């Protein structure tokens, strides 16, 4: 298949089958030995005047040493190779070879050629998001660098701004999941403190209007409304000068329709509170590779594709360009690299300081509920199935379904994966095997009997999961 040249980021699994042979046969018994009896020559009387002849031996010569016949080994017949094992090994090797031909985009900005994706993904949670339109399935979001990402979105980890500040002040060990050193953490907290000071100076929307920020009039649930300052887009990354401020109604409501606008230095619209900040870096300023922004790897920048901004209606849409323009929306083939940073007092996001979503912003929700609500499905989604996202080189660790309920796997990662039965050391592809799933490929696994089953990715042996069918 035709691909653009680029770095191939595939961990290679080499599967092989070895047949052991051995086991030694019984040794043969030693051959009996026979001692040769000693014989003495008959004595001859010597003349008395002559010295005696050589005296006869007083002892018999020793018997010959025993001889042992060489041991012989009777080889056992080699076991016949297990046909299933041979077949599985050959299949796994074929997957490795096929995956090696997969070329990721020339850069993190673009998508690979020749993808024929199905709808799937979750914005803010997966590298790719594909959505269904009247003209077919299109990519609508790319997030993070190619390869494994540091996604600190677990509420049990210190991933929010306040958590990071407290972790740095405490001097406690830093969880490995953050993939950051103590010095890097200190630098990151310093950058975030500078950003928080900027946010406090613009706590009121009037201050944003006076500083040249313009409202997009769109309120997004668990996010708010973006006030952007276009003249800052060309300045490059400065952690103390975000291009975007994010506000939301102070009463916690969701406005149905356009939110409001700046009239000179004055905000015309409902009372708003500052809830966060954001950055936007055009590719013609920073390039089309994933930006190097904040210290460390926690900041997964994202870019929107095929987006219809509906300023007049107060909401975005994912439709065709013609449909967008007919409805009075503003069409964007792509929007530059963006990043949210939740540093505003009172809106500390337990999904992480750089998460796309903030569960403390209307509609206030549990972090896990926000995550589940963002999953994207197409019209081909099987009725009653359980959706499971393959992202950031990982399955969900435990998958639980009812007997008869299928699982619909979405590969929305940057490289191919497989969903294969068994374990890397003991594959069982005859039970189930998805084959190679490229980014955007989906696969349904039906279930028919209760039990606990193991599954793994043939290309990345550390990707394993447990399937429980009740």
Foldseek 3Di string as FASTA:
>chain_A
DDKDAADQDFFFDQFDDDFDWDDWDDWDDFDDDDFDWADWDDDDDDPPVDDDDDDTDPDGDDGDDGDGDDTDTDTDDTDDDDPLSVVVNVQLVVLRVVQVPDHAHNAQQDGIPPDQFAAWDFPLPFQWGWAAAPVGIDTWKGKFGAAFALQQQALVAQFWLVSLVVCLVVVDDHDVSQVDDSVLSVQLNVLLVLQQVLCVCCFFVLSLLQVQWKWLQAQDALWATKTFRVVCQQVDADSNDARIWGKHAPVQDHDFWGAFIDDRSDTDGHGIGTFWTKHFHACVRQNSHFDDYGRGRNAIWMKTAQKWRDNGRRHIDRYHPVVSVVNVTDTDRMGGTMWIAGSHPPQTASSHRTGNGTCSHPVRDDSVVSRVVRIIHDPPPDPQAAEWECHSNETPAEAEDEAFHKYKYADQHSGKWKKFWDAQVDTDRVVDIDRIAGHNDIDIGTGHDFDKTKIATSRDRVHIHIYGYD
